[in-house]
PDB file of N, CA and C in Angstrom:
ATOM      1  N   MET A   1      24.068  -3.774  28.415  1.00  0.00           N
ATOM      2  CA  MET A   1      22.567  -3.838  28.024  1.00  0.00           C
ATOM      3  C   MET A   1      22.302  -2.724  26.880  1.00  0.00           C
ATOM      4  N   GLU A   2      22.426  -1.695  26.608  1.00  0.00           N
ATOM      5  CA  GLU A   2      21.548  -1.160  25.556  1.00  0.00           C
ATOM      6  C   GLU A   2      22.333  -1.992  23.730  1.00  0.00           C
ATOM      7  N   ALA A   3      23.272  -2.661  24.444  1.00  0.00           N
ATOM      8  CA  ALA A   3      23.386  -3.216  22.371  1.00  0.00           C
ATOM      9  C   ALA A   3      22.646  -4.676  22.086  1.00  0.00           C
ATOM     10  N   SER A   4      22.274  -4.963  23.679  1.00  0.00           N
ATOM     11  CA  SER A   4      21.798  -6.061  23.525  1.00  0.00           C
ATOM     12  C   SER A   4      20.308  -5.581  23.392  1.00  0.00           C
ATOM     13  N   SER A   5      19.107  -5.053  23.483  1.00  0.00           N
ATOM     14  CA  SER A   5      18.812  -4.193  23.493  1.00  0.00           C
ATOM     15  C   SER A   5      18.010  -3.631  21.939  1.00  0.00           C
ATOM     16  N   SER A   6      19.258  -3.512  21.513  1.00  0.00           N
ATOM     17  CA  SER A   6      19.352  -2.949  20.140  1.00  0.00           C
ATOM     18  C   SER A   6      19.222  -4.403  19.677  1.00  0.00           C
ATOM     19  N   ARG A   7      19.776  -5.248  19.744  1.00  0.00           N
ATOM     20  CA  ARG A   7      20.235  -6.258  18.688  1.00  0.00           C
ATOM     21  C   ARG A   7      18.413  -6.487  18.718  1.00  0.00           C
ATOM     22  N   ILE A   8      17.642  -6.364  20.444  1.00  0.00           N
ATOM     23  CA  ILE A   8      16.458  -7.242  20.037  1.00  0.00           C
ATOM     24  C   ILE A   8      15.388  -6.085  19.444  1.00  0.00           C
ATOM     25  N   ASP A   9      15.692  -4.907  18.874  1.00  0.00           N
ATOM     26  CA  ASP A   9      14.521  -4.270  18.214  1.00  0.00           C
ATOM     27  C   ASP A   9      14.699  -4.368  17.407  1.00  0.00           C
ATOM     28  N   VAL A  10      16.042  -4.742  15.800  1.00  0.00           N
ATOM     29  CA  VAL A  10      16.698  -4.849  15.368  1.00  0.00           C
ATOM     30  C   VAL A  10      15.802  -6.043  15.062  1.00  0.00           C
ATOM     31  N   ALA A  11      15.634  -6.936  15.740  1.00  0.00           N
ATOM     32  CA  ALA A  11      15.249  -8.757  15.207  1.00  0.00           C
ATOM     33  C   ALA A  11      13.911  -8.450  15.034  1.00  0.00           C
ATOM     34  N   VAL A  12      12.775  -7.356  16.067  1.00  0.00           N
ATOM     35  CA  VAL A  12      11.481  -7.381  16.280  1.00  0.00           C
ATOM     36  C   VAL A  12      11.483  -6.873  14.798  1.00  0.00           C
ATOM     37  N   GLY A  13      11.673  -5.722  14.730  1.00  0.00           N
ATOM     38  CA  GLY A  13      11.795  -4.886  13.281  1.00  0.00           C
ATOM     39  C   GLY A  13      12.270  -5.838  12.123  1.00  0.00           C
ATOM     40  N   THR A  14      13.186  -6.505  12.240  1.00  0.00           N
ATOM     41  CA  THR A  14      12.962  -7.775  11.000  1.00  0.00           C
ATOM     42  C   THR A  14      11.998  -8.453  10.777  1.00  0.00           C
ATOM     43  N   ALA A  15      11.388  -9.066  11.949  1.00  0.00           N
ATOM     44  CA  ALA A  15      10.398 -10.072  12.024  1.00  0.00           C
ATOM     45  C   ALA A  15       9.121  -9.462  11.567  1.00  0.00           C
ATOM     46  N   ARG A  16       8.831  -8.570  12.295  1.00  0.00           N
ATOM     47  CA  ARG A  16       7.615  -7.311  11.195  1.00  0.00           C
ATOM     48  C   ARG A  16       7.916  -7.673   9.919  1.00  0.00           C
ATOM     49  N   HIS A  17       8.653  -7.114   9.400  1.00  0.00           N
ATOM     50  CA  HIS A  17       8.729  -6.626   8.089  1.00  0.00           C
ATOM     51  C   HIS A  17       8.610  -7.951   6.636  1.00  0.00           C
ATOM     52  N   VAL A  18       9.432  -8.815   8.377  1.00  0.00           N
ATOM     53  CA  VAL A  18       9.547  -9.488   7.088  1.00  0.00           C
ATOM     54  C   VAL A  18       7.714 -11.273   7.236  1.00  0.00           C
ATOM     55  N   THR A  19       7.186 -11.011   7.885  1.00  0.00           N
ATOM     56  CA  THR A  19       5.855 -11.527   8.285  1.00  0.00           C
ATOM     57  C   THR A  19       5.026 -10.206   7.073  1.00  0.00           C
ATOM     58  N   ARG A  20       5.222  -8.647   7.282  1.00  0.00           N
ATOM     59  CA  ARG A  20       4.146  -7.614   7.015  1.00  0.00           C
ATOM     60  C   ARG A  20       4.638  -7.861   5.162  1.00  0.00           C
ATOM     61  N   ARG A  21       6.004  -8.427   4.527  1.00  0.00           N
ATOM     62  CA  ARG A  21       6.209  -8.973   3.294  1.00  0.00           C
ATOM     63  C   ARG A  21       5.100  -9.926   2.764  1.00  0.00           C
ATOM     64  N   ILE A  22       5.227 -11.092   3.595  1.00  0.00           N
ATOM     65  CA  ILE A  22       4.252 -12.319   2.915  1.00  0.00           C
ATOM     66  C   ILE A  22       3.143 -12.202   3.407  1.00  0.00           C
ATOM     67  N   MET A  23       2.993 -11.113   4.460  1.00  0.00           N
ATOM     68  CA  MET A  23       1.073 -11.180   4.524  1.00  0.00           C
ATOM     69  C   MET A  23       0.183 -10.281   3.634  1.00  0.00           C
ATOM     70  N   ALA A  24       0.822  -9.379   2.841  1.00  0.00           N
ATOM     71  CA  ALA A  24       0.834  -8.720   1.476  1.00  0.00           C
ATOM     72  C   ALA A  24       0.702  -8.963   0.341  1.00  0.00           C
ATOM     73  N   ARG A  25       0.952 -10.007   0.678  1.00  0.00           N
ATOM     74  CA  ARG A  25       0.720 -10.995  -0.970  1.00  0.00           C
ATOM     75  C   ARG A  25      -0.701 -11.575  -0.839  1.00  0.00           C
ATOM     76  N   TYR A  26      -1.342 -12.043   0.363  1.00  0.00           N
ATOM     77  CA  TYR A  26      -2.458 -12.788  -0.053  1.00  0.00           C
ATOM     78  C   TYR A  26      -3.951 -11.295   0.212  1.00  0.00           C
ATOM     79  N   PRO A  27      -4.371 -10.256   0.064  1.00  0.00           N
ATOM     80  CA  PRO A  27      -6.039  -9.527  -0.030  1.00  0.00           C
ATOM     81  C   PRO A  27      -6.717 -10.128   0.825  1.00  0.00           C
ATOM     82  N   ALA A  28      -6.814 -11.496   1.578  1.00  0.00           N
ATOM     83  CA  ALA A  28      -7.716 -11.808   1.883  1.00  0.00           C
ATOM     84  C   ALA A  28      -7.904 -11.599   3.305  1.00  0.00           C
ATOM     85  N   VAL A  29      -6.171 -11.814   3.930  1.00  0.00           N
ATOM     86  CA  VAL A  29      -5.882 -11.847   5.220  1.00  0.00           C
ATOM     87  C   VAL A  29      -5.522 -10.197   5.531  1.00  0.00           C
ATOM     88  N   TYR A  30      -4.362  -9.579   4.500  1.00  0.00           N
ATOM     89  CA  TYR A  30      -4.231  -8.292   4.803  1.00  0.00           C
ATOM     90  C   TYR A  30      -4.327  -7.313   5.086  1.00  0.00           C
ATOM     91  N   LEU A  31      -5.920  -7.121   4.389  1.00  0.00           N
ATOM     92  CA  LEU A  31      -6.543  -5.708   3.701  1.00  0.00           C
ATOM     93  C   LEU A  31      -7.720  -6.053   4.971  1.00  0.00           C
ATOM     94  N   PRO A  32      -8.163  -6.363   5.395  1.00  0.00           N
ATOM     95  CA  PRO A  32      -8.986  -6.790   6.496  1.00  0.00           C
ATOM     96  C   PRO A  32      -8.326  -5.412   7.586  1.00  0.00           C
ATOM     97  N   LEU A  33      -6.618  -6.065   7.658  1.00  0.00           N
ATOM     98  CA  LEU A  33      -6.209  -6.071   9.222  1.00  0.00           C
ATOM     99  C   LEU A  33      -5.795  -4.003   9.218  1.00  0.00           C
ATOM    100  N   LEU A  34      -5.986  -4.027   7.768  1.00  0.00           N
ATOM    101  CA  LEU A  34      -4.939  -2.808   7.222  1.00  0.00           C
ATOM    102  C   LEU A  34      -6.611  -1.764   7.316  1.00  0.00           C
ATOM    103  N   ARG A  35      -7.768  -2.439   6.875  1.00  0.00           N
ATOM    104  CA  ARG A  35      -8.760  -1.232   7.056  1.00  0.00           C
ATOM    105  C   ARG A  35      -9.430  -0.551   8.588  1.00  0.00           C
ATOM    106  N   ARG A  36      -8.047  -1.827   9.532  1.00  0.00           N
ATOM    107  CA  ARG A  36      -8.963  -1.120  10.640  1.00  0.00           C
ATOM    108  C   ARG A  36      -7.873  -0.112  10.531  1.00  0.00           C
ATOM    109  N   ARG A  37      -6.567   0.025  10.150  1.00  0.00           N
ATOM    110  CA  ARG A  37      -5.785   1.428  10.893  1.00  0.00           C
ATOM    111  C   ARG A  37      -6.116   2.182   9.813  1.00  0.00           C
ATOM    112  N   GLN A  38      -6.217   1.520   8.774  1.00  0.00           N
ATOM    113  CA  GLN A  38      -6.044   3.079   7.362  1.00  0.00           C
ATOM    114  C   GLN A  38      -7.670   2.425   6.543  1.00  0.00           C
ATOM    115  N   PRO A  39      -8.485   2.957   7.342  1.00  0.00           N
ATOM    116  CA  PRO A  39      -9.736   2.805   6.145  1.00  0.00           C
ATOM    117  C   PRO A  39      -9.760   4.236   4.891  1.00  0.00           C
ATOM    118  N   GLN A  40      -9.453   4.892   5.347  1.00  0.00           N
ATOM    119  CA  GLN A  40      -9.279   5.491   3.808  1.00  0.00           C
ATOM    120  C   GLN A  40      -8.467   5.130   2.943  1.00  0.00           C
ATOM    121  N   SER A  41      -7.685   4.780   2.948  1.00  0.00           N
ATOM    122  CA  SER A  41      -6.421   4.419   2.001  1.00  0.00           C
ATOM    123  C   SER A  41      -6.524   2.914   1.705  1.00  0.00           C
ATOM    124  N   THR A  42      -7.423   2.402   2.242  1.00  0.00           N
ATOM    125  CA  THR A  42      -7.517   0.682   2.385  1.00  0.00           C
ATOM    126  C   THR A  42      -8.661   0.307   1.570  1.00  0.00           C
ATOM    127  N   ILE A  43      -8.748  -0.211  -0.571  1.00  0.00           N
ATOM    128  CA  ILE A  43     -10.314  -0.919  -0.906  1.00  0.00           C
ATOM    129  C   ILE A  43     -10.878  -1.645  -0.116  1.00  0.00           C
ATOM    130  N   GLY A  44     -12.408  -0.838  -1.090  1.00  0.00           N
ATOM    131  CA  GLY A  44     -13.281  -1.381  -0.052  1.00  0.00           C
ATOM    132  C   GLY A  44     -14.491  -1.188  -1.072  1.00  0.00           C
ATOM    133  N   PRO A  45     -15.666  -1.393  -0.627  1.00  0.00           N
ATOM    134  CA  PRO A  45     -16.790  -1.434  -1.841  1.00  0.00           C
ATOM    135  C   PRO A  45     -17.366  -0.521  -2.482  1.00  0.00           C
ATOM    136  N   ASP A  46     -16.574   1.257  -1.882  1.00  0.00           N
ATOM    137  CA  ASP A  46     -17.110   1.904  -2.665  1.00  0.00           C
ATOM    138  C   ASP A  46     -15.433   2.401  -3.444  1.00  0.00           C
ATOM    139  N   THR A  47     -14.740   2.318  -3.398  1.00  0.00           N
ATOM    140  CA  THR A  47     -13.610   2.454  -4.039  1.00  0.00           C
ATOM    141  C   THR A  47     -13.879   2.333  -5.229  1.00  0.00           C
ATOM    142  N   GLN A  48     -12.784   3.626  -6.287  1.00  0.00           N
ATOM    143  CA  GLN A  48     -13.758   4.039  -7.991  1.00  0.00           C
ATOM    144  C   GLN A  48     -12.521   3.305  -8.262  1.00  0.00           C
ATOM    145  N   VAL A  49     -10.992   4.283  -7.140  1.00  0.00           N
ATOM    146  CA  VAL A  49      -9.437   3.426  -8.337  1.00  0.00           C
ATOM    147  C   VAL A  49      -8.697   3.480  -7.944  1.00  0.00           C
ATOM    148  N   VAL A  50      -7.823   2.843  -7.671  1.00  0.00           N
ATOM    149  CA  VAL A  50      -6.501   2.550  -6.663  1.00  0.00           C
ATOM    150  C   VAL A  50      -5.426   2.818  -7.660  1.00  0.00           C
ATOM    151  N   ILE A  51      -4.912   3.573  -6.783  1.00  0.00           N
ATOM    152  CA  ILE A  51      -3.262   4.449  -7.143  1.00  0.00           C
ATOM    153  C   ILE A  51      -1.569   4.007  -6.245  1.00  0.00           C
ATOM    154  N   ASP A  52      -1.086   2.568  -6.256  1.00  0.00           N
ATOM    155  CA  ASP A  52      -0.161   2.338  -5.355  1.00  0.00           C
ATOM    156  C   ASP A  52       0.755   1.481  -6.074  1.00  0.00           C
ATOM    157  N   GLY A  53       1.893   1.385  -5.353  1.00  0.00           N
ATOM    158  CA  GLY A  53       2.983   1.297  -5.933  1.00  0.00           C
ATOM    159  C   GLY A  53       3.973   1.030  -4.954  1.00  0.00           C
ATOM    160  N   PHE A  54       5.377   0.608  -5.306  1.00  0.00           N
ATOM    161  CA  PHE A  54       6.353   0.305  -4.635  1.00  0.00           C
ATOM    162  C   PHE A  54       6.384   1.768  -3.513  1.00  0.00           C
ATOM    163  N   THR A  55       7.317   1.691  -2.099  1.00  0.00           N
ATOM    164  CA  THR A  55       7.799   2.973  -1.811  1.00  0.00           C
ATOM    165  C   THR A  55       8.737   3.358  -2.932  1.00  0.00           C
ATOM    166  N   ARG A  56       8.691   5.051  -2.948  1.00  0.00           N
ATOM    167  CA  ARG A  56       9.349   6.635  -2.876  1.00  0.00           C
ATOM    168  C   ARG A  56       9.086   5.808  -4.998  1.00  0.00           C
ATOM    169  N   SER A  57       8.248   5.380  -5.062  1.00  0.00           N
ATOM    170  CA  SER A  57       7.869   5.173  -6.935  1.00  0.00           C
ATOM    171  C   SER A  57       6.863   6.254  -7.299  1.00  0.00           C
ATOM    172  N   ALA A  58       7.164   6.900  -6.812  1.00  0.00           N
ATOM    173  CA  ALA A  58       5.809   8.316  -7.169  1.00  0.00           C
ATOM    174  C   ALA A  58       4.701   8.584  -6.727  1.00  0.00           C
ATOM    175  N   SER A  59       4.777   7.216  -5.803  1.00  0.00           N
ATOM    176  CA  SER A  59       2.755   7.099  -6.047  1.00  0.00           C
ATOM    177  C   SER A  59       2.218   8.165  -4.934  1.00  0.00           C
ATOM    178  N   THR A  60       2.553   8.774  -4.428  1.00  0.00           N
ATOM    179  CA  THR A  60       2.393  10.670  -4.155  1.00  0.00           C
ATOM    180  C   THR A  60       2.108  11.576  -5.166  1.00  0.00           C
ATOM    181  N   PHE A  61       3.097  11.395  -6.108  1.00  0.00           N
ATOM    182  CA  PHE A  61       2.896  12.016  -7.350  1.00  0.00           C
ATOM    183  C   PHE A  61       1.079  11.992  -7.938  1.00  0.00           C
ATOM    184  N   ALA A  62       1.246  10.975  -7.827  1.00  0.00           N
ATOM    185  CA  ALA A  62       0.532  10.348  -9.384  1.00  0.00           C
ATOM    186  C   ALA A  62      -1.257  10.905  -8.244  1.00  0.00           C
ATOM    187  N   VAL A  63      -1.462  10.150  -7.176  1.00  0.00           N
ATOM    188  CA  VAL A  63      -2.254  10.917  -6.553  1.00  0.00           C
ATOM    189  C   VAL A  63      -2.968  11.997  -6.087  1.00  0.00           C
ATOM    190  N   ILE A  64      -2.384  12.900  -6.364  1.00  0.00           N
ATOM    191  CA  ILE A  64      -2.232  14.095  -6.297  1.00  0.00           C
ATOM    192  C   ILE A  64      -2.711  14.753  -6.934  1.00  0.00           C
ATOM    193  N   ALA A  65      -2.134  14.547  -8.396  1.00  0.00           N
ATOM    194  CA  ALA A  65      -2.388  14.213  -9.566  1.00  0.00           C
ATOM    195  C   ALA A  65      -3.811  14.024  -9.764  1.00  0.00           C
ATOM    196  N   PHE A  66      -3.758  12.913  -9.429  1.00  0.00           N
ATOM    197  CA  PHE A  66      -5.032  12.585 -10.340  1.00  0.00           C
ATOM    198  C   PHE A  66      -6.144  12.818  -9.514  1.00  0.00           C
ATOM    199  N   GLN A  67      -6.169  13.509  -8.372  1.00  0.00           N
ATOM    200  CA  GLN A  67      -7.191  14.072  -7.401  1.00  0.00           C
ATOM    201  C   GLN A  67      -7.143  15.354  -7.866  1.00  0.00           C
ATOM    202  N   LEU A  68      -6.453  16.046  -8.086  1.00  0.00           N
ATOM    203  CA  LEU A  68      -6.345  17.600  -9.221  1.00  0.00           C
ATOM    204  C   LEU A  68      -6.989  17.174 -10.567  1.00  0.00           C
ATOM    205  N   ALA A  69      -7.316  16.764 -11.036  1.00  0.00           N
ATOM    206  CA  ALA A  69      -7.673  16.691 -12.456  1.00  0.00           C
ATOM    207  C   ALA A  69      -9.149  16.053 -11.925  1.00  0.00           C
ATOM    208  N   GLN A  70      -9.606  15.663 -11.423  1.00  0.00           N
ATOM    209  CA  GLN A  70     -11.172  15.186 -11.420  1.00  0.00           C
ATOM    210  C   GLN A  70     -11.885  16.591 -11.151  1.00  0.00           C
ATOM    211  N   ASP A  71     -13.408  16.463 -11.463  1.00  0.00           N
ATOM    212  CA  ASP A  71     -14.579  17.070 -11.034  1.00  0.00           C
ATOM    213  C   ASP A  71     -15.283  17.137  -9.977  1.00  0.00           C
ATOM    214  N   ASP A  72     -14.925  15.974  -9.465  1.00  0.00           N
ATOM    215  CA  ASP A  72     -15.756  15.153  -8.290  1.00  0.00           C
ATOM    216  C   ASP A  72     -14.913  15.110  -7.588  1.00  0.00           C
ATOM    217  N   HIS A  73     -15.605  14.383  -6.123  1.00  0.00           N
ATOM    218  CA  HIS A  73     -14.734  13.796  -5.495  1.00  0.00           C
ATOM    219  C   HIS A  73     -14.815  12.518  -6.206  1.00  0.00           C
ATOM    220  N   VAL A  74     -13.324  11.485  -5.898  1.00  0.00           N
ATOM    221  CA  VAL A  74     -12.954  10.147  -6.297  1.00  0.00           C
ATOM    222  C   VAL A  74     -12.768   9.197  -6.076  1.00  0.00           C
ATOM    223  N   ARG A  75     -13.784   8.365  -4.740  1.00  0.00           N
ATOM    224  CA  ARG A  75     -13.817   7.136  -3.672  1.00  0.00           C
ATOM    225  C   ARG A  75     -12.281   6.719  -4.403  1.00  0.00           C
ATOM    226  N   LEU A  76     -10.380   7.092  -3.810  1.00  0.00           N
ATOM    227  CA  LEU A  76      -9.751   6.532  -4.405  1.00  0.00           C
ATOM    228  C   LEU A  76      -8.916   5.549  -3.093  1.00  0.00           C
ATOM    229  N   ALA A  77      -8.603   4.620  -3.268  1.00  0.00           N
ATOM    230  CA  ALA A  77      -7.063   3.718  -2.708  1.00  0.00           C
ATOM    231  C   ALA A  77      -6.078   3.853  -2.726  1.00  0.00           C
ATOM    232  N   HIS A  78      -4.920   4.034  -1.539  1.00  0.00           N
ATOM    233  CA  HIS A  78      -4.099   4.327  -2.243  1.00  0.00           C
ATOM    234  C   HIS A  78      -2.972   4.240  -0.885  1.00  0.00           C
ATOM    235  N   HIS A  79      -1.807   4.194  -1.309  1.00  0.00           N
ATOM    236  CA  HIS A  79      -0.226   4.157  -0.393  1.00  0.00           C
ATOM    237  C   HIS A  79      -0.456   3.254   0.371  1.00  0.00           C
ATOM    238  N   LEU A  80      -0.550   2.006   0.242  1.00  0.00           N
ATOM    239  CA  LEU A  80       0.164   0.637   1.179  1.00  0.00           C
ATOM    240  C   LEU A  80       0.972   0.777   0.987  1.00  0.00           C
ATOM    241  N   HIS A  81       1.366   0.406  -0.269  1.00  0.00           N
ATOM    242  CA  HIS A  81       3.009  -0.142  -0.603  1.00  0.00           C
ATOM    243  C   HIS A  81       2.463  -1.518  -0.767  1.00  0.00           C
ATOM    244  N   ALA A  82       1.454  -2.379  -0.747  1.00  0.00           N
ATOM    245  CA  ALA A  82       1.114  -3.416  -0.822  1.00  0.00           C
ATOM    246  C   ALA A  82       0.293  -4.207  -1.901  1.00  0.00           C
ATOM    247  N   PRO A  83       1.561  -5.338  -2.256  1.00  0.00           N
ATOM    248  CA  PRO A  83       0.447  -6.004  -3.476  1.00  0.00           C
ATOM    249  C   PRO A  83      -1.186  -6.665  -3.160  1.00  0.00           C
ATOM    250  N   ALA A  84      -0.880  -7.018  -2.416  1.00  0.00           N
ATOM    251  CA  ALA A  84      -2.471  -7.321  -1.929  1.00  0.00           C
ATOM    252  C   ALA A  84      -4.083  -6.089  -2.260  1.00  0.00           C
ATOM    253  N   GLN A  85      -3.208  -5.423  -2.231  1.00  0.00           N
ATOM    254  CA  GLN A  85      -4.467  -4.003  -2.709  1.00  0.00           C
ATOM    255  C   GLN A  85      -4.577  -3.920  -4.231  1.00  0.00           C
ATOM    256  N   LEU A  86      -3.736  -3.791  -4.666  1.00  0.00           N
ATOM    257  CA  LEU A  86      -3.325  -4.109  -6.500  1.00  0.00           C
ATOM    258  C   LEU A  86      -4.224  -5.577  -6.873  1.00  0.00           C
ATOM    259  N   LEU A  87      -3.675  -6.439  -6.531  1.00  0.00           N
ATOM    260  CA  LEU A  87      -4.741  -7.709  -6.212  1.00  0.00           C
ATOM    261  C   LEU A  87      -6.194  -8.038  -6.570  1.00  0.00           C
ATOM    262  N   ALA A  88      -6.766  -6.928  -4.936  1.00  0.00           N
ATOM    263  CA  ALA A  88      -7.714  -6.665  -4.754  1.00  0.00           C
ATOM    264  C   ALA A  88      -8.475  -5.964  -5.796  1.00  0.00           C
ATOM    265  N   ALA A  89      -7.688  -4.831  -6.651  1.00  0.00           N
ATOM    266  CA  ALA A  89      -8.363  -4.124  -7.607  1.00  0.00           C
ATOM    267  C   ALA A  89      -8.478  -4.415  -8.992  1.00  0.00           C
ATOM    268  N   THR A  90      -7.167  -5.640  -8.732  1.00  0.00           N
ATOM    269  CA  THR A  90      -7.649  -6.248 -10.526  1.00  0.00           C
ATOM    270  C   THR A  90      -8.720  -6.828 -10.310  1.00  0.00           C
ATOM    271  N   ARG A  91      -8.543  -7.912  -9.574  1.00  0.00           N
ATOM    272  CA  ARG A  91     -10.191  -8.905  -9.687  1.00  0.00           C
ATOM    273  C   ARG A  91     -11.327  -7.859  -9.114  1.00  0.00           C
ATOM    274  N   ALA A  92     -10.992  -7.067  -8.420  1.00  0.00           N
ATOM    275  CA  ALA A  92     -12.822  -5.661  -8.591  1.00  0.00           C
ATOM    276  C   ALA A  92     -12.699  -5.590 -10.123  1.00  0.00           C
ATOM    277  N   GLY A  93     -11.833  -5.314 -10.699  1.00  0.00           N
ATOM    278  CA  GLY A  93     -12.107  -4.871 -11.599  1.00  0.00           C
ATOM    279  C   GLY A  93     -12.262  -3.454 -11.665  1.00  0.00           C
ATOM    280  N   LEU A  94     -11.190  -2.867 -10.870  1.00  0.00           N
ATOM    281  CA  LEU A  94     -11.053  -0.987 -10.689  1.00  0.00           C
ATOM    282  C   LEU A  94     -10.113  -0.683 -11.310  1.00  0.00           C
ATOM    283  N   PRO A  95     -10.142   0.570 -12.241  1.00  0.00           N
ATOM    284  CA  PRO A  95      -9.196   1.190 -13.021  1.00  0.00           C
ATOM    285  C   PRO A  95      -7.743   0.689 -11.343  1.00  0.00           C
ATOM    286  N   THR A  96      -6.910   0.929 -12.126  1.00  0.00           N
ATOM    287  CA  THR A  96      -5.488   0.624 -11.207  1.00  0.00           C
ATOM    288  C   THR A  96      -4.245   1.574 -11.751  1.00  0.00           C
ATOM    289  N   LEU A  97      -3.710   2.262 -10.939  1.00  0.00           N
ATOM    290  CA  LEU A  97      -2.556   2.835 -11.617  1.00  0.00           C
ATOM    291  C   LEU A  97      -1.257   2.368 -10.057  1.00  0.00           C
ATOM    292  N   MET A  98      -0.383   1.661 -11.321  1.00  0.00           N
ATOM    293  CA  MET A  98       0.816   1.322 -10.362  1.00  0.00           C
ATOM    294  C   MET A  98       2.369   2.209 -11.180  1.00  0.00           C
ATOM    295  N   PRO A  99       2.646   3.470 -10.200  1.00  0.00           N
ATOM    296  CA  PRO A  99       3.705   4.000 -10.528  1.00  0.00           C
ATOM    297  C   PRO A  99       5.424   2.673 -10.496  1.00  0.00           C
ATOM    298  N   ILE A 100       5.663   2.696 -11.813  1.00  0.00           N
ATOM    299  CA  ILE A 100       6.882   2.400 -11.554  1.00  0.00           C
ATOM    300  C   ILE A 100       8.448   3.366 -11.853  1.00  0.00           C
ATOM    301  N   ARG A 101       9.509   2.850 -11.048  1.00  0.00           N
ATOM    302  CA  ARG A 101      10.247   3.042 -11.302  1.00  0.00           C
ATOM    303  C   ARG A 101      11.859   1.867 -10.798  1.00  0.00           C
ATOM    304  N   PRO A 102      12.765   2.686 -11.819  1.00  0.00           N
ATOM    305  CA  PRO A 102      14.216   1.468 -11.861  1.00  0.00           C
ATOM    306  C   PRO A 102      14.261   1.442  -9.997  1.00  0.00           C
ATOM    307  N   PRO A 103      14.404   0.317  -9.602  1.00  0.00           N
ATOM    308  CA  PRO A 103      15.209  -0.112  -8.526  1.00  0.00           C
ATOM    309  C   PRO A 103      15.828   1.076  -7.634  1.00  0.00           C
ATOM    310  N   ARG A 104      16.890   1.656  -8.769  1.00  0.00           N
ATOM    311  CA  ARG A 104      18.166   1.716  -7.773  1.00  0.00           C
ATOM    312  C   ARG A 104      17.739   3.209  -7.458  1.00  0.00           C
ATOM    313  N   ASP A 105      16.760   3.542  -8.560  1.00  0.00           N
ATOM    314  CA  ASP A 105      16.105   5.054  -8.006  1.00  0.00           C
ATOM    315  C   ASP A 105      14.860   4.935  -7.009  1.00  0.00           C
ATOM    316  N   THR A 106      14.457   3.806  -6.180  1.00  0.00           N
ATOM    317  CA  THR A 106      14.090   4.086  -5.517  1.00  0.00           C
ATOM    318  C   THR A 106      14.671   4.177  -4.356  1.00  0.00           C
TER     319      THR A 106
END
C-alpha cells in the first residue's frame, strides 16, 4: 500500500510542477494566483524594482545586498522563480535584475 501511495505522491508532485512551469510563462494567468499567496513578493502597481531568477542563482544575496544599499524603503518583487514576474517587469519598464549562474552550479 505504501509503494502505490508513494507513486501517487510522485505523480501528483510531477503534475503540479509541470503545470506550474507552463503557467509561469504567462503573467496574466500566473501572477494573480501568486499574488493571493505571496502578495509582498509578487509584482504589483507599487513595485519599484524586481529581482528574480532561477532557483539557487544567488537571488537572495542580490535582494539583501540591494535592500542594505538603500537609504529608504524600496518596494521590491522577488523570489517567485518564475518567468512571469520578469516578463511583467519588463513590460512595465521596471528596473529588473536577474542573477544568472551556470546550470550545473545551481
